[in-house]
Amino acid sequence: MKTAALAIAMVLSILDSPAAAQGSSDAIKMDDLLEQGLQVIAEGQLLEMNEWNCYSLRVISDGSSRSCSHKVIYGWFKRLKGETDEFVCLSFRAWTCFRSEVRN
């Protein structure tokens, strides 16, 4: 359980980094990294939730009501390791990989 929580925390820290947000030049497709001989050292399921369709509705008898729907998307991550580099790859981004600052 600790390993899964740690892996998710590392993935989220990469997603929040400025390089990932700006579409860093470090972004590489997972297939390219696998062809270079990097090995999958961890993988797991991720959850992405997007809020959408928020609206307010005034109901005369009840006052006002606010309602939002949520769309939940499940995906996967894979952590790849080579001799000197490590990457985290995300299915949400069409299996795009981002260089990891944290080494295992």
PDB file of N, CA and C in Angstrom:
ATOM      1  N   MET A   1       0.822  -1.186   0.000  1.00  0.00           N
ATOM      2  CA  MET A   1       0.000   0.000   0.000  1.00  0.00           C
ATOM      3  C   MET A   1       0.869   1.254   0.000  1.00  0.00           C
ATOM      4  N   LYS A   2       1.960   1.251   0.802  1.00  0.00           N
ATOM      5  CA  LYS A   2       2.845   2.416   0.824  1.00  0.00           C
ATOM      6  C   LYS A   2       3.493   2.628  -0.532  1.00  0.00           C
ATOM      7  N   THR A   3       3.852   1.531  -1.202  1.00  0.00           N
ATOM      8  CA  THR A   3       4.491   1.638  -2.509  1.00  0.00           C
ATOM      9  C   THR A   3       3.549   2.292  -3.514  1.00  0.00           C
ATOM     10  N   ALA A   4       2.292   1.892  -3.508  1.00  0.00           N
ATOM     11  CA  ALA A   4       1.318   2.479  -4.434  1.00  0.00           C
ATOM     12  C   ALA A   4       1.113   3.955  -4.143  1.00  0.00           C
ATOM     13  N   ALA A   5       1.014   4.303  -2.867  1.00  0.00           N
ATOM     14  CA  ALA A   5       0.834   5.713  -2.504  1.00  0.00           C
ATOM     15  C   ALA A   5       2.034   6.544  -2.909  1.00  0.00           C
ATOM     16  N   LEU A   6       3.227   5.993  -2.722  1.00  0.00           N
ATOM     17  CA  LEU A   6       4.451   6.696  -3.110  1.00  0.00           C
ATOM     18  C   LEU A   6       4.514   6.881  -4.620  1.00  0.00           C
ATOM     19  N   ALA A   7       4.154   5.851  -5.357  1.00  0.00           N
ATOM     20  CA  ALA A   7       4.174   5.933  -6.824  1.00  0.00           C
ATOM     21  C   ALA A   7       3.198   6.993  -7.317  1.00  0.00           C
ATOM     22  N   ILE A   8       2.009   7.021  -6.748  1.00  0.00           N
ATOM     23  CA  ILE A   8       1.011   8.015  -7.156  1.00  0.00           C
ATOM     24  C   ILE A   8       1.486   9.419  -6.808  1.00  0.00           C
ATOM     25  N   ALA A   9       2.093   9.577  -5.636  1.00  0.00           N
ATOM     26  CA  ALA A   9       2.612  10.898  -5.246  1.00  0.00           C
ATOM     27  C   ALA A   9       3.694  11.360  -6.211  1.00  0.00           C
ATOM     28  N   MET A  10       4.569  10.441  -6.638  1.00  0.00           N
ATOM     29  CA  MET A  10       5.631  10.817  -7.582  1.00  0.00           C
ATOM     30  C   MET A  10       5.043  11.212  -8.921  1.00  0.00           C
ATOM     31  N   VAL A  11       4.027  10.471  -9.391  1.00  0.00           N
ATOM     32  CA  VAL A  11       3.390  10.801 -10.663  1.00  0.00           C
ATOM     33  C   VAL A  11       2.734  12.172 -10.580  1.00  0.00           C
ATOM     34  N   LEU A  12       2.028  12.424  -9.492  1.00  0.00           N
ATOM     35  CA  LEU A  12       1.350  13.715  -9.348  1.00  0.00           C
ATOM     36  C   LEU A  12       2.343  14.858  -9.247  1.00  0.00           C
ATOM     37  N   SER A  13       3.497  14.635  -8.615  1.00  0.00           N
ATOM     38  CA  SER A  13       4.491  15.705  -8.534  1.00  0.00           C
ATOM     39  C   SER A  13       5.051  16.028  -9.912  1.00  0.00           C
ATOM     40  N   ILE A  14       5.149  15.042 -10.767  1.00  0.00           N
ATOM     41  CA  ILE A  14       5.627  15.283 -12.129  1.00  0.00           C
ATOM     42  C   ILE A  14       4.569  16.039 -12.924  1.00  0.00           C
ATOM     43  N   LEU A  15       3.296  15.660 -12.749  1.00  0.00           N
ATOM     44  CA  LEU A  15       2.225  16.341 -13.479  1.00  0.00           C
ATOM     45  C   LEU A  15       2.110  17.794 -13.082  1.00  0.00           C
ATOM     46  N   ASP A  16       2.435  18.107 -11.835  1.00  0.00           N
ATOM     47  CA  ASP A  16       2.340  19.480 -11.361  1.00  0.00           C
ATOM     48  C   ASP A  16       3.558  20.313 -11.707  1.00  0.00           C
ATOM     49  N   SER A  17       4.595  19.692 -12.235  1.00  0.00           N
ATOM     50  CA  SER A  17       5.816  20.428 -12.522  1.00  0.00           C
ATOM     51  C   SER A  17       5.623  21.337 -13.728  1.00  0.00           C
ATOM     52  N   PRO A  18       6.318  22.475 -13.771  1.00  0.00           N
ATOM     53  CA  PRO A  18       6.194  23.392 -14.914  1.00  0.00           C
ATOM     54  C   PRO A  18       6.566  22.743 -16.239  1.00  0.00           C
ATOM     55  N   ALA A  19       7.543  21.840 -16.226  1.00  0.00           N
ATOM     56  CA  ALA A  19       7.972  21.193 -17.468  1.00  0.00           C
ATOM     57  C   ALA A  19       6.842  20.366 -18.067  1.00  0.00           C
ATOM     58  N   ALA A  20       6.116  19.627 -17.242  1.00  0.00           N
ATOM     59  CA  ALA A  20       5.011  18.811 -17.740  1.00  0.00           C
ATOM     60  C   ALA A  20       3.866  19.696 -18.218  1.00  0.00           C
ATOM     61  N   ALA A  21       3.611  20.771 -17.515  1.00  0.00           N
ATOM     62  CA  ALA A  21       2.515  21.666 -17.874  1.00  0.00           C
ATOM     63  C   ALA A  21       2.774  22.375 -19.192  1.00  0.00           C
ATOM     64  N   GLN A  22       4.035  22.650 -19.515  1.00  0.00           N
ATOM     65  CA  GLN A  22       4.364  23.383 -20.729  1.00  0.00           C
ATOM     66  C   GLN A  22       4.668  22.462 -21.897  1.00  0.00           C
ATOM     67  N   GLY A  23       4.498  21.144 -21.721  1.00  0.00           N
ATOM     68  CA  GLY A  23       4.815  20.231 -22.806  1.00  0.00           C
ATOM     69  C   GLY A  23       6.308  20.190 -23.043  1.00  0.00           C
ATOM     70  N   SER A  24       7.035  19.864 -22.026  1.00  0.00           N
ATOM     71  CA  SER A  24       8.489  19.889 -22.023  1.00  0.00           C
ATOM     72  C   SER A  24       9.089  19.113 -23.180  1.00  0.00           C
ATOM     73  N   SER A  25      10.292  19.518 -23.554  1.00  0.00           N
ATOM     74  CA  SER A  25      11.015  18.779 -24.586  1.00  0.00           C
ATOM     75  C   SER A  25      11.455  17.424 -24.059  1.00  0.00           C
ATOM     76  N   ASP A  26      11.337  17.192 -22.740  1.00  0.00           N
ATOM     77  CA  ASP A  26      11.651  15.894 -22.162  1.00  0.00           C
ATOM     78  C   ASP A  26      10.536  14.884 -22.392  1.00  0.00           C
ATOM     79  N   ALA A  27       9.413  15.315 -22.923  1.00  0.00           N
ATOM     80  CA  ALA A  27       8.292  14.411 -23.165  1.00  0.00           C
ATOM     81  C   ALA A  27       8.630  13.504 -24.347  1.00  0.00           C
ATOM     82  N   ILE A  28       8.557  12.198 -24.090  1.00  0.00           N
ATOM     83  CA  ILE A  28       8.924  11.197 -25.085  1.00  0.00           C
ATOM     84  C   ILE A  28       7.849  10.118 -25.081  1.00  0.00           C
ATOM     85  N   LYS A  29       7.601   9.499 -26.194  1.00  0.00           N
ATOM     86  CA  LYS A  29       6.632   8.409 -26.274  1.00  0.00           C
ATOM     87  C   LYS A  29       7.202   7.147 -25.627  1.00  0.00           C
ATOM     88  N   MET A  30       6.353   6.407 -24.932  1.00  0.00           N
ATOM     89  CA  MET A  30       6.776   5.224 -24.200  1.00  0.00           C
ATOM     90  C   MET A  30       7.384   4.174 -25.129  1.00  0.00           C
ATOM     91  N   ASP A  31       6.819   3.992 -26.310  1.00  0.00           N
ATOM     92  CA  ASP A  31       7.353   2.993 -27.243  1.00  0.00           C
ATOM     93  C   ASP A  31       8.811   3.274 -27.595  1.00  0.00           C
ATOM     94  N   ASP A  32       9.152   4.557 -27.732  1.00  0.00           N
ATOM     95  CA  ASP A  32      10.536   4.917 -28.046  1.00  0.00           C
ATOM     96  C   ASP A  32      11.479   4.526 -26.911  1.00  0.00           C
ATOM     97  N   LEU A  33      11.043   4.750 -25.680  1.00  0.00           N
ATOM     98  CA  LEU A  33      11.873   4.408 -24.531  1.00  0.00           C
ATOM     99  C   LEU A  33      12.029   2.900 -24.380  1.00  0.00           C
ATOM    100  N   LEU A  34      10.956   2.151 -24.626  1.00  0.00           N
ATOM    101  CA  LEU A  34      11.039   0.691 -24.543  1.00  0.00           C
ATOM    102  C   LEU A  34      11.979   0.138 -25.611  1.00  0.00           C
ATOM    103  N   GLU A  35      11.962   0.750 -26.806  1.00  0.00           N
ATOM    104  CA  GLU A  35      12.878   0.329 -27.875  1.00  0.00           C
ATOM    105  C   GLU A  35      14.334   0.606 -27.509  1.00  0.00           C
ATOM    106  N   GLN A  36      14.560   1.642 -26.666  1.00  0.00           N
ATOM    107  CA  GLN A  36      15.915   1.968 -26.222  1.00  0.00           C
ATOM    108  C   GLN A  36      16.383   1.058 -25.090  1.00  0.00           C
ATOM    109  N   GLY A  37      15.518   0.165 -24.628  1.00  0.00           N
ATOM    110  CA  GLY A  37      15.912  -0.799 -23.617  1.00  0.00           C
ATOM    111  C   GLY A  37      15.543  -0.456 -22.187  1.00  0.00           C
ATOM    112  N   LEU A  38      14.779   0.612 -21.959  1.00  0.00           N
ATOM    113  CA  LEU A  38      14.344   0.923 -20.603  1.00  0.00           C
ATOM    114  C   LEU A  38      13.348  -0.136 -20.145  1.00  0.00           C
ATOM    115  N   GLN A  39      13.345  -0.430 -18.843  1.00  0.00           N
ATOM    116  CA  GLN A  39      12.496  -1.465 -18.273  1.00  0.00           C
ATOM    117  C   GLN A  39      11.395  -0.850 -17.418  1.00  0.00           C
ATOM    118  N   VAL A  40      10.221  -1.472 -17.421  1.00  0.00           N
ATOM    119  CA  VAL A  40       9.120  -1.045 -16.561  1.00  0.00           C
ATOM    120  C   VAL A  40       9.434  -1.520 -15.144  1.00  0.00           C
ATOM    121  N   ILE A  41       9.534  -0.578 -14.188  1.00  0.00           N
ATOM    122  CA  ILE A  41       9.840  -0.950 -12.802  1.00  0.00           C
ATOM    123  C   ILE A  41       8.631  -0.772 -11.885  1.00  0.00           C
ATOM    124  N   ALA A  42       7.588  -0.077 -12.343  1.00  0.00           N
ATOM    125  CA  ALA A  42       6.367   0.091 -11.554  1.00  0.00           C
ATOM    126  C   ALA A  42       5.245   0.478 -12.496  1.00  0.00           C
ATOM    127  N   GLU A  43       4.041   0.086 -12.125  1.00  0.00           N
ATOM    128  CA  GLU A  43       2.868   0.484 -12.896  1.00  0.00           C
ATOM    129  C   GLU A  43       1.648   0.415 -11.991  1.00  0.00           C
ATOM    130  N   GLY A  44       0.630   1.153 -12.369  1.00  0.00           N
ATOM    131  CA  GLY A  44      -0.576   1.152 -11.568  1.00  0.00           C
ATOM    132  C   GLY A  44      -1.664   1.986 -12.205  1.00  0.00           C
ATOM    133  N   GLN A  45      -2.813   1.992 -11.540  1.00  0.00           N
ATOM    134  CA  GLN A  45      -3.964   2.713 -12.048  1.00  0.00           C
ATOM    135  C   GLN A  45      -4.008   4.114 -11.448  1.00  0.00           C
ATOM    136  N   LEU A  46      -4.435   5.063 -12.264  1.00  0.00           N
ATOM    137  CA  LEU A  46      -4.608   6.453 -11.837  1.00  0.00           C
ATOM    138  C   LEU A  46      -6.050   6.874 -12.071  1.00  0.00           C
ATOM    139  N   LEU A  47      -6.417   7.932 -11.409  1.00  0.00           N
ATOM    140  CA  LEU A  47      -7.764   8.469 -11.525  1.00  0.00           C
ATOM    141  C   LEU A  47      -7.658   9.941 -11.866  1.00  0.00           C
ATOM    142  N   GLU A  48      -8.382  10.373 -12.892  1.00  0.00           N
ATOM    143  CA  GLU A  48      -8.448  11.782 -13.243  1.00  0.00           C
ATOM    144  C   GLU A  48      -9.916  12.166 -13.217  1.00  0.00           C
ATOM    145  N   MET A  49     -10.251  13.225 -12.507  1.00  0.00           N
ATOM    146  CA  MET A  49     -11.644  13.636 -12.410  1.00  0.00           C
ATOM    147  C   MET A  49     -11.773  15.064 -12.909  1.00  0.00           C
ATOM    148  N   ASN A  50     -12.641  15.270 -13.852  1.00  0.00           N
ATOM    149  CA  ASN A  50     -12.890  16.596 -14.406  1.00  0.00           C
ATOM    150  C   ASN A  50     -14.303  17.034 -14.050  1.00  0.00           C
ATOM    151  N   GLU A  51     -14.416  18.233 -13.490  1.00  0.00           N
ATOM    152  CA  GLU A  51     -15.735  18.777 -13.170  1.00  0.00           C
ATOM    153  C   GLU A  51     -16.292  19.433 -14.419  1.00  0.00           C
ATOM    154  N   TRP A  52     -17.543  19.201 -14.694  1.00  0.00           N
ATOM    155  CA  TRP A  52     -18.170  19.806 -15.858  1.00  0.00           C
ATOM    156  C   TRP A  52     -19.666  19.959 -15.620  1.00  0.00           C
ATOM    157  N   ASN A  53     -20.325  20.737 -16.437  1.00  0.00           N
ATOM    158  CA  ASN A  53     -21.766  20.987 -16.356  1.00  0.00           C
ATOM    159  C   ASN A  53     -22.193  21.536 -15.000  1.00  0.00           C
ATOM    160  N   CYS A  54     -21.535  22.571 -14.530  1.00  0.00           N
ATOM    161  CA  CYS A  54     -21.965  23.229 -13.293  1.00  0.00           C
ATOM    162  C   CYS A  54     -22.970  24.323 -13.657  1.00  0.00           C
ATOM    163  N   TYR A  55     -24.038  24.370 -12.920  1.00  0.00           N
ATOM    164  CA  TYR A  55     -25.037  25.396 -13.167  1.00  0.00           C
ATOM    165  C   TYR A  55     -25.811  25.678 -11.888  1.00  0.00           C
ATOM    166  N   SER A  56     -26.441  26.818 -11.861  1.00  0.00           N
ATOM    167  CA  SER A  56     -27.331  27.187 -10.751  1.00  0.00           C
ATOM    168  C   SER A  56     -28.748  27.240 -11.284  1.00  0.00           C
ATOM    169  N   LEU A  57     -29.642  26.736 -10.511  1.00  0.00           N
ATOM    170  CA  LEU A  57     -31.039  26.702 -10.917  1.00  0.00           C
ATOM    171  C   LEU A  57     -31.867  27.319  -9.798  1.00  0.00           C
ATOM    172  N   ARG A  58     -32.610  28.348 -10.123  1.00  0.00           N
ATOM    173  CA  ARG A  58     -33.455  28.977  -9.112  1.00  0.00           C
ATOM    174  C   ARG A  58     -34.804  28.252  -9.103  1.00  0.00           C
ATOM    175  N   VAL A  59     -35.098  27.688  -7.958  1.00  0.00           N
ATOM    176  CA  VAL A  59     -36.386  27.004  -7.776  1.00  0.00           C
ATOM    177  C   VAL A  59     -37.206  27.865  -6.827  1.00  0.00           C
ATOM    178  N   ILE A  60     -38.392  28.280  -7.245  1.00  0.00           N
ATOM    179  CA  ILE A  60     -39.192  29.229  -6.468  1.00  0.00           C
ATOM    180  C   ILE A  60     -39.510  28.691  -5.082  1.00  0.00           C
ATOM    181  N   SER A  61     -39.891  27.451  -4.984  1.00  0.00           N
ATOM    182  CA  SER A  61     -40.292  26.913  -3.677  1.00  0.00           C
ATOM    183  C   SER A  61     -39.101  26.643  -2.753  1.00  0.00           C
ATOM    184  N   ASP A  62     -37.940  26.318  -3.301  1.00  0.00           N
ATOM    185  CA  ASP A  62     -36.787  25.934  -2.485  1.00  0.00           C
ATOM    186  C   ASP A  62     -35.688  26.988  -2.426  1.00  0.00           C
ATOM    187  N   GLY A  63     -35.787  28.054  -3.131  1.00  0.00           N
ATOM    188  CA  GLY A  63     -34.676  28.997  -3.219  1.00  0.00           C
ATOM    189  C   GLY A  63     -33.803  28.616  -4.402  1.00  0.00           C
ATOM    190  N   SER A  64     -32.494  28.752  -4.261  1.00  0.00           N
ATOM    191  CA  SER A  64     -31.626  28.405  -5.388  1.00  0.00           C
ATOM    192  C   SER A  64     -30.898  27.102  -5.110  1.00  0.00           C
ATOM    193  N   SER A  65     -30.533  26.422  -6.158  1.00  0.00           N
ATOM    194  CA  SER A  65     -29.842  25.144  -6.054  1.00  0.00           C
ATOM    195  C   SER A  65     -28.671  25.140  -7.021  1.00  0.00           C
ATOM    196  N   ARG A  66     -27.547  24.608  -6.600  1.00  0.00           N
ATOM    197  CA  ARG A  66     -26.364  24.500  -7.457  1.00  0.00           C
ATOM    198  C   ARG A  66     -26.094  23.026  -7.691  1.00  0.00           C
ATOM    199  N   SER A  67     -25.761  22.684  -8.918  1.00  0.00           N
ATOM    200  CA  SER A  67     -25.523  21.290  -9.255  1.00  0.00           C
ATOM    201  C   SER A  67     -24.331  21.192 -10.195  1.00  0.00           C
ATOM    202  N   CYS A  68     -23.504  20.194  -9.965  1.00  0.00           N
ATOM    203  CA  CYS A  68     -22.368  19.920 -10.846  1.00  0.00           C
ATOM    204  C   CYS A  68     -22.281  18.421 -11.084  1.00  0.00           C
ATOM    205  N   SER A  69     -21.937  18.060 -12.290  1.00  0.00           N
ATOM    206  CA  SER A  69     -21.693  16.664 -12.632  1.00  0.00           C
ATOM    207  C   SER A  69     -20.188  16.457 -12.718  1.00  0.00           C
ATOM    208  N   HIS A  70     -19.740  15.253 -12.436  1.00  0.00           N
ATOM    209  CA  HIS A  70     -18.316  14.937 -12.524  1.00  0.00           C
ATOM    210  C   HIS A  70     -18.107  13.782 -13.483  1.00  0.00           C
ATOM    211  N   LYS A  71     -17.099  13.915 -14.281  1.00  0.00           N
ATOM    212  CA  LYS A  71     -16.724  12.848 -15.198  1.00  0.00           C
ATOM    213  C   LYS A  71     -15.443  12.224 -14.650  1.00  0.00           C
ATOM    214  N   VAL A  72     -15.457  10.939 -14.401  1.00  0.00           N
ATOM    215  CA  VAL A  72     -14.310  10.246 -13.842  1.00  0.00           C
ATOM    216  C   VAL A  72     -13.663   9.412 -14.945  1.00  0.00           C
ATOM    217  N   ILE A  73     -12.360   9.555 -15.079  1.00  0.00           N
ATOM    218  CA  ILE A  73     -11.610   8.826 -16.101  1.00  0.00           C
ATOM    219  C   ILE A  73     -10.544   7.997 -15.398  1.00  0.00           C
ATOM    220  N   TYR A  74     -10.474   6.725 -15.723  1.00  0.00           N
ATOM    221  CA  TYR A  74      -9.431   5.867 -15.180  1.00  0.00           C
ATOM    222  C   TYR A  74      -8.338   5.692 -16.216  1.00  0.00           C
ATOM    223  N   GLY A  75      -7.102   5.671 -15.751  1.00  0.00           N
ATOM    224  CA  GLY A  75      -5.969   5.491 -16.642  1.00  0.00           C
ATOM    225  C   GLY A  75      -4.868   4.741 -15.924  1.00  0.00           C
ATOM    226  N   TRP A  76      -3.705   4.746 -16.522  1.00  0.00           N
ATOM    227  CA  TRP A  76      -2.569   3.982 -15.999  1.00  0.00           C
ATOM    228  C   TRP A  76      -1.303   4.806 -16.057  1.00  0.00           C
ATOM    229  N   PHE A  77      -0.345   4.466 -15.196  1.00  0.00           N
ATOM    230  CA  PHE A  77       0.996   5.016 -15.285  1.00  0.00           C
ATOM    231  C   PHE A  77       1.972   3.855 -15.331  1.00  0.00           C
ATOM    232  N   LYS A  78       3.105   4.096 -15.943  1.00  0.00           N
ATOM    233  CA  LYS A  78       4.220   3.143 -15.930  1.00  0.00           C
ATOM    234  C   LYS A  78       5.485   3.939 -15.666  1.00  0.00           C
ATOM    235  N   ARG A  79       6.321   3.418 -14.783  1.00  0.00           N
ATOM    236  CA  ARG A  79       7.606   4.037 -14.472  1.00  0.00           C
ATOM    237  C   ARG A  79       8.672   3.205 -15.163  1.00  0.00           C
ATOM    238  N   LEU A  80       9.472   3.850 -16.002  1.00  0.00           N
ATOM    239  CA  LEU A  80      10.520   3.176 -16.765  1.00  0.00           C
ATOM    240  C   LEU A  80      11.888   3.603 -16.249  1.00  0.00           C
ATOM    241  N   LYS A  81      12.813   2.648 -16.232  1.00  0.00           N
ATOM    242  CA  LYS A  81      14.152   2.941 -15.741  1.00  0.00           C
ATOM    243  C   LYS A  81      15.192   2.408 -16.723  1.00  0.00           C
ATOM    244  N   GLY A  82      16.181   3.265 -16.988  1.00  0.00           N
ATOM    245  CA  GLY A  82      17.330   2.878 -17.783  1.00  0.00           C
ATOM    246  C   GLY A  82      18.556   2.918 -16.898  1.00  0.00           C
ATOM    247  N   GLU A  83      19.725   2.931 -17.500  1.00  0.00           N
ATOM    248  CA  GLU A  83      20.959   2.977 -16.712  1.00  0.00           C
ATOM    249  C   GLU A  83      21.106   4.291 -15.956  1.00  0.00           C
ATOM    250  N   THR A  84      20.758   5.399 -16.604  1.00  0.00           N
ATOM    251  CA  THR A  84      20.942   6.708 -15.959  1.00  0.00           C
ATOM    252  C   THR A  84      19.658   7.520 -15.823  1.00  0.00           C
ATOM    253  N   ASP A  85      18.619   7.186 -16.562  1.00  0.00           N
ATOM    254  CA  ASP A  85      17.401   7.988 -16.581  1.00  0.00           C
ATOM    255  C   ASP A  85      16.187   7.187 -16.129  1.00  0.00           C
ATOM    256  N   GLU A  86      15.211   7.908 -15.585  1.00  0.00           N
ATOM    257  CA  GLU A  86      13.921   7.329 -15.241  1.00  0.00           C
ATOM    258  C   GLU A  86      12.826   8.236 -15.788  1.00  0.00           C
ATOM    259  N   PHE A  87      11.729   7.614 -16.207  1.00  0.00           N
ATOM    260  CA  PHE A  87      10.604   8.331 -16.780  1.00  0.00           C
ATOM    261  C   PHE A  87       9.307   7.807 -16.193  1.00  0.00           C
ATOM    262  N   VAL A  88       8.293   8.666 -16.144  1.00  0.00           N
ATOM    263  CA  VAL A  88       6.937   8.262 -15.796  1.00  0.00           C
ATOM    264  C   VAL A  88       6.080   8.489 -17.031  1.00  0.00           C
ATOM    265  N   CYS A  89       5.371   7.442 -17.440  1.00  0.00           N
ATOM    266  CA  CYS A  89       4.544   7.493 -18.640  1.00  0.00           C
ATOM    267  C   CYS A  89       3.075   7.434 -18.229  1.00  0.00           C
ATOM    268  N   LEU A  90       2.236   8.206 -18.921  1.00  0.00           N
ATOM    269  CA  LEU A  90       0.833   8.335 -18.558  1.00  0.00           C
ATOM    270  C   LEU A  90      -0.079   7.982 -19.721  1.00  0.00           C
ATOM    271  N   SER A  91      -1.045   7.119 -19.450  1.00  0.00           N
ATOM    272  CA  SER A  91      -2.013   6.777 -20.495  1.00  0.00           C
ATOM    273  C   SER A  91      -2.910   7.975 -20.814  1.00  0.00           C
ATOM    274  N   PHE A  92      -3.110   8.888 -19.831  1.00  0.00           N
ATOM    275  CA  PHE A  92      -3.917  10.085 -20.068  1.00  0.00           C
ATOM    276  C   PHE A  92      -3.323  10.939 -21.178  1.00  0.00           C
ATOM    277  N   ARG A  93      -2.046  10.857 -21.373  1.00  0.00           N
ATOM    278  CA  ARG A  93      -1.341  11.682 -22.359  1.00  0.00           C
ATOM    279  C   ARG A  93      -0.870  10.833 -23.543  1.00  0.00           C
ATOM    280  N   ALA A  94      -1.652   9.812 -23.887  1.00  0.00           N
ATOM    281  CA  ALA A  94      -1.335   8.922 -25.010  1.00  0.00           C
ATOM    282  C   ALA A  94       0.028   8.264 -24.823  1.00  0.00           C
ATOM    283  N   TRP A  95       0.277   7.790 -23.594  1.00  0.00           N
ATOM    284  CA  TRP A  95       1.527   7.133 -23.208  1.00  0.00           C
ATOM    285  C   TRP A  95       2.739   8.006 -23.502  1.00  0.00           C
ATOM    286  N   THR A  96       2.615   9.274 -23.144  1.00  0.00           N
ATOM    287  CA  THR A  96       3.743  10.196 -23.187  1.00  0.00           C
ATOM    288  C   THR A  96       4.490  10.079 -21.869  1.00  0.00           C
ATOM    289  N   CYS A  97       5.816  10.125 -21.943  1.00  0.00           N
ATOM    290  CA  CYS A  97       6.656   9.954 -20.752  1.00  0.00           C
ATOM    291  C   CYS A  97       7.368  11.250 -20.429  1.00  0.00           C
ATOM    292  N   PHE A  98       7.556  11.464 -19.131  1.00  0.00           N
ATOM    293  CA  PHE A  98       8.238  12.655 -18.634  1.00  0.00           C
ATOM    294  C   PHE A  98       9.396  12.225 -17.756  1.00  0.00           C
ATOM    295  N   ARG A  99      10.534  12.877 -17.938  1.00  0.00           N
ATOM    296  CA  ARG A  99      11.724  12.555 -17.163  1.00  0.00           C
ATOM    297  C   ARG A  99      11.438  12.782 -15.684  1.00  0.00           C
ATOM    298  N   SER A 100      11.878  11.857 -14.853  1.00  0.00           N
ATOM    299  CA  SER A 100      11.649  11.934 -13.419  1.00  0.00           C
ATOM    300  C   SER A 100      12.875  12.509 -12.722  1.00  0.00           C
ATOM    301  N   GLU A 101      12.632  13.413 -11.794  1.00  0.00           N
ATOM    302  CA  GLU A 101      13.707  13.979 -10.983  1.00  0.00           C
ATOM    303  C   GLU A 101      14.072  13.040  -9.832  1.00  0.00           C
ATOM    304  N   VAL A 102      13.133  12.164  -9.466  1.00  0.00           N
ATOM    305  CA  VAL A 102      13.316  11.234  -8.343  1.00  0.00           C
ATOM    306  C   VAL A 102      13.848   9.915  -8.882  1.00  0.00           C
ATOM    307  N   ARG A 103      14.911   9.421  -8.306  1.00  0.00           N
ATOM    308  CA  ARG A 103      15.521   8.167  -8.741  1.00  0.00           C
ATOM    309  C   ARG A 103      15.174   7.056  -7.765  1.00  0.00           C
ATOM    310  N   ASN A 104      14.922   5.859  -8.306  1.00  0.00           N
ATOM    311  CA  ASN A 104      14.687   4.674  -7.477  1.00  0.00           C
ATOM    312  C   ASN A 104      15.846   3.718  -7.594  1.00  0.00           C
TER     313      ASN A 104
END
